[in-house]
Amino acid sequence: MAAQNGKDLLIKIDMTGDGTFETFAGLRATRVSFNAESVDITSLESQGGWRELLAGAGVRSASISGSGVFRDEVTDERARQIFFDGVVPRFQVVIPDFGIVDGPFQITSIEYAGAHDGEATYELSMASAGALQFVAA
């Protein structure tokens, strides 16, 4: 696999609840993280005293974060409304030459910042809120 442009890692938001996705405007940095908790089943009978983990157990989760500059009032307004309403709409994360992760996420934080001699910026964080689907590229 060849090197990929970071700008091609996209976070998309379901704008209307009907599967109409738009890319979050103005993002300059994005990150997606997948996690799986382990369940330790080590006992006195564990071979050689090595830790044993229970396959397929534990909680799986994903988190998304991004930061950027204000470029589009529509996606900013949608993100704000999702946060204040506490809803968990579908999001898509497009990972170049890998695939698309699709599912419900909750916006867990939104931060706004700006210096008097610079642009207004924002940062947002999201946590998975249900089963995620993956479609390979």
N, C-alpha and C. Protein backbone atom coordinates (compact mmCIF):
# COMPACT_ATOMS: atom_id res chain seq x y z
N MET A 1 0.84 -1.17 0.00
CA MET A 1 0.00 0.00 0.00
C MET A 1 0.89 1.24 0.00
N ALA A 2 0.57 2.16 -0.87
CA ALA A 2 1.32 3.41 -0.96
C ALA A 2 0.91 4.35 0.17
N ALA A 3 1.73 5.35 0.43
CA ALA A 3 1.41 6.36 1.44
C ALA A 3 0.13 7.08 1.05
N GLN A 4 -0.61 7.49 2.05
CA GLN A 4 -1.90 8.15 1.83
C GLN A 4 -1.85 9.59 2.31
N ASN A 5 -2.65 10.44 1.68
CA ASN A 5 -2.80 11.82 2.12
C ASN A 5 -3.67 11.86 3.36
N GLY A 6 -3.22 12.58 4.38
CA GLY A 6 -4.01 12.74 5.59
C GLY A 6 -5.34 13.42 5.34
N LYS A 7 -5.39 14.28 4.34
CA LYS A 7 -6.63 15.00 4.04
C LYS A 7 -7.71 14.07 3.49
N ASP A 8 -7.33 12.84 3.12
CA ASP A 8 -8.30 11.89 2.60
C ASP A 8 -8.99 11.08 3.70
N LEU A 9 -8.53 11.22 4.96
CA LEU A 9 -9.22 10.61 6.09
C LEU A 9 -10.35 11.55 6.47
N LEU A 10 -11.58 11.15 6.16
CA LEU A 10 -12.72 12.05 6.29
C LEU A 10 -13.69 11.59 7.37
N ILE A 11 -14.27 12.54 8.08
CA ILE A 11 -15.35 12.28 9.00
C ILE A 11 -16.60 12.88 8.38
N LYS A 12 -17.62 12.03 8.22
CA LYS A 12 -18.87 12.49 7.62
C LYS A 12 -20.00 12.33 8.63
N ILE A 13 -20.95 13.24 8.55
CA ILE A 13 -22.06 13.27 9.48
C ILE A 13 -23.37 13.12 8.71
N ASP A 14 -24.29 12.33 9.27
CA ASP A 14 -25.62 12.19 8.68
C ASP A 14 -26.37 13.48 8.98
N MET A 15 -26.62 14.26 7.96
CA MET A 15 -27.16 15.61 8.13
C MET A 15 -28.64 15.64 8.47
N THR A 16 -29.40 14.66 7.99
CA THR A 16 -30.85 14.74 8.14
C THR A 16 -31.46 13.49 8.78
N GLY A 17 -30.66 12.48 9.07
CA GLY A 17 -31.18 11.24 9.63
C GLY A 17 -31.64 10.25 8.59
N ASP A 18 -31.47 10.59 7.31
CA ASP A 18 -31.91 9.69 6.24
C ASP A 18 -30.74 9.11 5.44
N GLY A 19 -29.52 9.22 5.98
CA GLY A 19 -28.36 8.66 5.30
C GLY A 19 -27.70 9.62 4.32
N THR A 20 -28.03 10.91 4.41
CA THR A 20 -27.37 11.92 3.59
C THR A 20 -26.16 12.43 4.36
N PHE A 21 -24.97 11.98 3.95
CA PHE A 21 -23.75 12.31 4.67
C PHE A 21 -23.03 13.47 4.02
N GLU A 22 -22.46 14.34 4.88
CA GLU A 22 -21.61 15.43 4.42
C GLU A 22 -20.34 15.41 5.24
N THR A 23 -19.23 15.75 4.59
CA THR A 23 -17.95 15.82 5.27
C THR A 23 -17.93 17.02 6.20
N PHE A 24 -17.43 16.82 7.43
CA PHE A 24 -17.25 17.94 8.34
C PHE A 24 -16.32 18.95 7.67
N ALA A 25 -16.80 20.14 7.50
CA ALA A 25 -16.03 21.15 6.80
C ALA A 25 -14.93 21.71 7.69
N GLY A 26 -13.81 22.03 7.09
CA GLY A 26 -12.75 22.73 7.78
C GLY A 26 -11.83 21.87 8.62
N LEU A 27 -12.06 20.54 8.66
CA LEU A 27 -11.17 19.69 9.46
C LEU A 27 -9.77 19.69 8.87
N ARG A 28 -8.79 19.83 9.74
CA ARG A 28 -7.40 19.78 9.29
C ARG A 28 -6.66 18.57 9.86
N ALA A 29 -7.20 18.00 10.92
CA ALA A 29 -6.59 16.82 11.52
C ALA A 29 -7.71 15.90 12.02
N THR A 30 -7.59 14.62 11.72
CA THR A 30 -8.60 13.65 12.17
C THR A 30 -7.91 12.42 12.70
N ARG A 31 -8.61 11.72 13.58
CA ARG A 31 -8.07 10.49 14.16
C ARG A 31 -9.22 9.56 14.49
N VAL A 32 -9.03 8.28 14.21
CA VAL A 32 -9.99 7.25 14.61
C VAL A 32 -9.23 6.18 15.38
N SER A 33 -9.83 5.69 16.44
CA SER A 33 -9.19 4.70 17.29
C SER A 33 -10.18 3.58 17.59
N PHE A 34 -9.72 2.33 17.47
CA PHE A 34 -10.54 1.17 17.78
C PHE A 34 -9.97 0.50 19.02
N ASN A 35 -10.84 0.06 19.92
CA ASN A 35 -10.40 -0.52 21.18
C ASN A 35 -11.19 -1.79 21.48
N ALA A 36 -10.54 -2.72 22.15
CA ALA A 36 -11.19 -3.93 22.61
C ALA A 36 -10.66 -4.25 24.00
N GLU A 37 -11.55 -4.26 24.98
CA GLU A 37 -11.13 -4.60 26.33
C GLU A 37 -10.89 -6.10 26.41
N SER A 38 -9.93 -6.48 27.21
CA SER A 38 -9.66 -7.91 27.38
C SER A 38 -10.31 -8.41 28.66
N VAL A 39 -10.61 -9.71 28.69
CA VAL A 39 -11.16 -10.35 29.87
C VAL A 39 -10.14 -11.41 30.30
N ASP A 40 -9.54 -11.17 31.43
CA ASP A 40 -8.47 -12.03 31.95
C ASP A 40 -9.09 -13.24 32.63
N ILE A 41 -8.72 -14.45 32.14
CA ILE A 41 -9.21 -15.69 32.75
C ILE A 41 -8.06 -16.54 33.30
N THR A 42 -6.97 -15.87 33.61
CA THR A 42 -5.80 -16.56 34.15
C THR A 42 -6.15 -17.20 35.50
N SER A 43 -5.65 -18.41 35.70
CA SER A 43 -5.87 -19.12 36.96
C SER A 43 -4.59 -19.83 37.37
N LEU A 44 -4.65 -20.51 38.49
CA LEU A 44 -3.48 -21.27 38.94
C LEU A 44 -3.11 -22.37 37.95
N GLU A 45 -4.08 -22.81 37.15
CA GLU A 45 -3.83 -23.86 36.18
C GLU A 45 -3.31 -23.33 34.84
N SER A 46 -3.16 -22.04 34.69
CA SER A 46 -2.69 -21.47 33.42
C SER A 46 -1.28 -21.94 33.15
N GLN A 47 -1.06 -22.44 31.95
CA GLN A 47 0.20 -23.05 31.57
C GLN A 47 1.37 -22.08 31.76
N GLY A 48 2.33 -22.49 32.57
CA GLY A 48 3.54 -21.71 32.79
C GLY A 48 3.29 -20.37 33.48
N GLY A 49 2.11 -20.19 34.03
CA GLY A 49 1.80 -18.93 34.69
C GLY A 49 1.51 -17.78 33.74
N TRP A 50 1.36 -18.13 32.46
CA TRP A 50 1.07 -17.09 31.46
C TRP A 50 -0.38 -16.64 31.53
N ARG A 51 -0.57 -15.39 31.31
CA ARG A 51 -1.92 -14.82 31.30
C ARG A 51 -2.73 -15.43 30.17
N GLU A 52 -4.00 -15.67 30.44
CA GLU A 52 -4.93 -16.17 29.44
C GLU A 52 -6.06 -15.16 29.29
N LEU A 53 -6.49 -14.94 28.04
CA LEU A 53 -7.58 -14.02 27.75
C LEU A 53 -8.73 -14.79 27.12
N LEU A 54 -9.94 -14.38 27.42
CA LEU A 54 -11.13 -15.00 26.87
C LEU A 54 -11.42 -14.38 25.50
N ALA A 55 -11.32 -15.20 24.46
CA ALA A 55 -11.53 -14.71 23.10
C ALA A 55 -12.98 -14.27 22.90
N GLY A 56 -13.15 -13.17 22.20
CA GLY A 56 -14.47 -12.68 21.84
C GLY A 56 -15.24 -12.00 22.96
N ALA A 57 -14.62 -11.86 24.14
CA ALA A 57 -15.29 -11.22 25.26
C ALA A 57 -14.83 -9.77 25.37
N GLY A 58 -15.41 -9.04 26.25
CA GLY A 58 -15.02 -7.65 26.48
C GLY A 58 -15.81 -6.69 25.61
N VAL A 59 -15.63 -5.43 25.88
CA VAL A 59 -16.36 -4.38 25.18
C VAL A 59 -15.49 -3.81 24.07
N ARG A 60 -16.08 -3.72 22.87
CA ARG A 60 -15.38 -3.09 21.75
C ARG A 60 -15.91 -1.67 21.60
N SER A 61 -15.03 -0.76 21.24
CA SER A 61 -15.45 0.62 21.08
C SER A 61 -14.56 1.31 20.05
N ALA A 62 -15.03 2.46 19.63
CA ALA A 62 -14.25 3.29 18.71
C ALA A 62 -14.40 4.73 19.15
N SER A 63 -13.39 5.52 18.88
CA SER A 63 -13.47 6.95 19.15
C SER A 63 -12.95 7.70 17.94
N ILE A 64 -13.50 8.88 17.75
CA ILE A 64 -13.13 9.73 16.63
C ILE A 64 -12.83 11.11 17.20
N SER A 65 -11.81 11.75 16.67
CA SER A 65 -11.56 13.13 17.05
C SER A 65 -11.10 13.90 15.82
N GLY A 66 -11.31 15.18 15.88
CA GLY A 66 -10.90 16.02 14.78
C GLY A 66 -10.75 17.47 15.22
N SER A 67 -9.98 18.21 14.46
CA SER A 67 -9.83 19.63 14.74
C SER A 67 -9.71 20.37 13.42
N GLY A 68 -10.13 21.63 13.44
CA GLY A 68 -10.06 22.39 12.21
C GLY A 68 -10.50 23.83 12.40
N VAL A 69 -10.84 24.44 11.29
CA VAL A 69 -11.26 25.83 11.27
C VAL A 69 -12.69 25.91 10.75
N PHE A 70 -13.38 26.96 11.13
CA PHE A 70 -14.75 27.14 10.67
C PHE A 70 -14.77 27.45 9.18
N ARG A 71 -15.50 26.62 8.43
CA ARG A 71 -15.61 26.82 6.99
C ARG A 71 -17.04 26.70 6.50
N ASP A 72 -17.88 26.06 7.32
CA ASP A 72 -19.22 25.74 6.86
C ASP A 72 -20.19 25.82 8.05
N GLU A 73 -21.09 26.76 7.98
CA GLU A 73 -22.05 26.96 9.06
C GLU A 73 -22.97 25.77 9.24
N VAL A 74 -23.29 25.06 8.16
CA VAL A 74 -24.27 23.97 8.22
C VAL A 74 -23.77 22.79 9.04
N THR A 75 -22.56 22.28 8.77
CA THR A 75 -22.07 21.13 9.54
C THR A 75 -21.75 21.52 10.97
N ASP A 76 -21.28 22.74 11.19
CA ASP A 76 -21.02 23.20 12.56
C ASP A 76 -22.32 23.25 13.36
N GLU A 77 -23.36 23.79 12.75
CA GLU A 77 -24.66 23.87 13.41
C GLU A 77 -25.20 22.47 13.73
N ARG A 78 -25.05 21.53 12.80
CA ARG A 78 -25.53 20.15 13.00
C ARG A 78 -24.78 19.51 14.17
N ALA A 79 -23.47 19.67 14.23
CA ALA A 79 -22.68 19.10 15.33
C ALA A 79 -23.10 19.69 16.67
N ARG A 80 -23.28 20.99 16.72
CA ARG A 80 -23.72 21.64 17.96
C ARG A 80 -25.08 21.10 18.41
N GLN A 81 -26.00 20.96 17.46
CA GLN A 81 -27.33 20.49 17.81
C GLN A 81 -27.30 19.05 18.30
N ILE A 82 -26.49 18.21 17.66
CA ILE A 82 -26.34 16.82 18.11
C ILE A 82 -25.84 16.78 19.54
N PHE A 83 -24.84 17.62 19.84
CA PHE A 83 -24.28 17.64 21.19
C PHE A 83 -25.32 18.06 22.22
N PHE A 84 -26.00 19.16 21.98
CA PHE A 84 -26.95 19.69 22.95
C PHE A 84 -28.21 18.83 23.07
N ASP A 85 -28.59 18.15 22.00
CA ASP A 85 -29.74 17.25 22.06
C ASP A 85 -29.39 15.89 22.65
N GLY A 86 -28.10 15.55 22.69
CA GLY A 86 -27.67 14.27 23.23
C GLY A 86 -28.05 13.08 22.38
N VAL A 87 -28.21 13.30 21.07
CA VAL A 87 -28.59 12.20 20.19
C VAL A 87 -27.35 11.50 19.63
N VAL A 88 -27.57 10.33 19.04
CA VAL A 88 -26.45 9.53 18.51
C VAL A 88 -26.72 9.16 17.05
N PRO A 89 -26.55 10.10 16.14
CA PRO A 89 -26.78 9.81 14.73
C PRO A 89 -25.63 8.99 14.13
N ARG A 90 -25.81 8.58 12.91
CA ARG A 90 -24.77 7.84 12.20
C ARG A 90 -23.68 8.80 11.71
N PHE A 91 -22.48 8.31 11.76
CA PHE A 91 -21.32 8.99 11.20
C PHE A 91 -20.61 7.99 10.29
N GLN A 92 -19.82 8.49 9.40
CA GLN A 92 -18.95 7.65 8.59
C GLN A 92 -17.53 8.17 8.71
N VAL A 93 -16.60 7.23 8.78
CA VAL A 93 -15.18 7.58 8.74
C VAL A 93 -14.61 6.91 7.50
N VAL A 94 -14.14 7.72 6.58
CA VAL A 94 -13.56 7.21 5.34
C VAL A 94 -12.05 7.13 5.55
N ILE A 95 -11.53 5.90 5.53
CA ILE A 95 -10.10 5.66 5.71
C ILE A 95 -9.55 5.29 4.34
N PRO A 96 -8.70 6.14 3.75
CA PRO A 96 -8.26 5.93 2.37
C PRO A 96 -7.63 4.55 2.14
N ASP A 97 -8.04 3.93 1.04
CA ASP A 97 -7.56 2.61 0.62
C ASP A 97 -7.76 1.53 1.68
N PHE A 98 -8.62 1.77 2.65
CA PHE A 98 -8.91 0.80 3.69
C PHE A 98 -10.39 0.48 3.70
N GLY A 99 -11.22 1.52 3.82
CA GLY A 99 -12.66 1.31 3.81
C GLY A 99 -13.40 2.39 4.55
N ILE A 100 -14.67 2.11 4.83
CA ILE A 100 -15.55 3.05 5.51
C ILE A 100 -16.11 2.40 6.76
N VAL A 101 -16.00 3.08 7.88
CA VAL A 101 -16.60 2.67 9.14
C VAL A 101 -17.87 3.49 9.29
N ASP A 102 -18.99 2.84 9.57
CA ASP A 102 -20.29 3.50 9.61
C ASP A 102 -21.02 3.05 10.86
N GLY A 103 -21.60 4.00 11.59
CA GLY A 103 -22.39 3.65 12.74
C GLY A 103 -22.70 4.83 13.63
N PRO A 104 -23.41 4.57 14.72
CA PRO A 104 -23.82 5.65 15.62
C PRO A 104 -22.66 6.09 16.52
N PHE A 105 -22.54 7.39 16.68
CA PHE A 105 -21.55 7.98 17.57
C PHE A 105 -22.20 9.10 18.37
N GLN A 106 -21.70 9.30 19.57
CA GLN A 106 -22.14 10.42 20.39
C GLN A 106 -21.02 11.45 20.41
N ILE A 107 -21.36 12.70 20.18
CA ILE A 107 -20.36 13.77 20.30
C ILE A 107 -20.17 14.01 21.79
N THR A 108 -18.96 13.71 22.29
CA THR A 108 -18.69 13.80 23.72
C THR A 108 -18.07 15.13 24.13
N SER A 109 -17.48 15.84 23.18
CA SER A 109 -16.97 17.18 23.50
C SER A 109 -16.80 17.99 22.23
N ILE A 110 -17.02 19.28 22.39
CA ILE A 110 -16.74 20.27 21.35
C ILE A 110 -16.01 21.41 22.04
N GLU A 111 -14.88 21.79 21.47
CA GLU A 111 -14.12 22.91 22.02
C GLU A 111 -13.93 23.95 20.93
N TYR A 112 -14.09 25.19 21.32
CA TYR A 112 -13.89 26.31 20.39
C TYR A 112 -12.75 27.17 20.91
N ALA A 113 -11.95 27.67 20.00
CA ALA A 113 -10.83 28.53 20.40
C ALA A 113 -10.55 29.54 19.30
N GLY A 114 -9.83 30.56 19.66
CA GLY A 114 -9.44 31.56 18.68
C GLY A 114 -8.57 32.62 19.32
N ALA A 115 -7.54 33.00 18.62
CA ALA A 115 -6.67 34.10 19.07
C ALA A 115 -7.11 35.37 18.35
N HIS A 116 -6.80 36.50 18.95
CA HIS A 116 -7.25 37.75 18.35
C HIS A 116 -6.62 38.00 16.97
N ASP A 117 -5.49 37.37 16.70
CA ASP A 117 -4.83 37.57 15.41
C ASP A 117 -4.82 36.31 14.55
N GLY A 118 -5.78 35.42 14.79
CA GLY A 118 -5.83 34.17 14.03
C GLY A 118 -7.26 33.74 13.77
N GLU A 119 -7.39 32.56 13.20
CA GLU A 119 -8.70 32.03 12.85
C GLU A 119 -9.36 31.37 14.04
N ALA A 120 -10.69 31.28 14.01
CA ALA A 120 -11.45 30.53 15.01
C ALA A 120 -11.30 29.05 14.68
N THR A 121 -11.05 28.23 15.70
CA THR A 121 -10.86 26.80 15.50
C THR A 121 -11.81 26.01 16.38
N TYR A 122 -11.95 24.72 16.07
CA TYR A 122 -12.75 23.84 16.90
C TYR A 122 -12.10 22.47 16.97
N GLU A 123 -12.42 21.77 18.04
CA GLU A 123 -12.02 20.39 18.22
C GLU A 123 -13.24 19.62 18.69
N LEU A 124 -13.40 18.40 18.19
CA LEU A 124 -14.52 17.59 18.64
C LEU A 124 -14.06 16.16 18.87
N SER A 125 -14.76 15.50 19.78
CA SER A 125 -14.49 14.11 20.10
C SER A 125 -15.81 13.36 20.10
N MET A 126 -15.75 12.12 19.63
CA MET A 126 -16.94 11.28 19.55
C MET A 126 -16.63 9.88 20.03
N ALA A 127 -17.63 9.22 20.61
CA ALA A 127 -17.49 7.85 21.08
C ALA A 127 -18.56 7.00 20.42
N SER A 128 -18.20 5.78 20.05
CA SER A 128 -19.17 4.88 19.43
C SER A 128 -20.32 4.62 20.40
N ALA A 129 -21.51 4.48 19.81
CA ALA A 129 -22.70 4.32 20.65
C ALA A 129 -23.55 3.14 20.17
N GLY A 130 -22.92 2.16 19.56
CA GLY A 130 -23.62 0.98 19.06
C GLY A 130 -22.72 0.21 18.12
N ALA A 131 -23.29 -0.77 17.46
CA ALA A 131 -22.53 -1.62 16.54
C ALA A 131 -22.07 -0.82 15.33
N LEU A 132 -20.84 -1.05 14.93
CA LEU A 132 -20.27 -0.38 13.76
C LEU A 132 -20.17 -1.37 12.60
N GLN A 133 -20.33 -0.86 11.39
CA GLN A 133 -20.18 -1.65 10.18
C GLN A 133 -18.91 -1.20 9.47
N PHE A 134 -18.24 -2.13 8.84
CA PHE A 134 -17.05 -1.81 8.06
C PHE A 134 -17.24 -2.33 6.66
N VAL A 135 -16.99 -1.45 5.68
CA VAL A 135 -17.03 -1.84 4.27
C VAL A 135 -15.66 -1.57 3.68
N ALA A 136 -15.00 -2.62 3.22
CA ALA A 136 -13.65 -2.49 2.67
C ALA A 136 -13.67 -1.69 1.37
N ALA A 137 -12.57 -0.99 1.14
CA ALA A 137 -12.45 -0.19 -0.08
C ALA A 137 -12.30 -1.09 -1.29
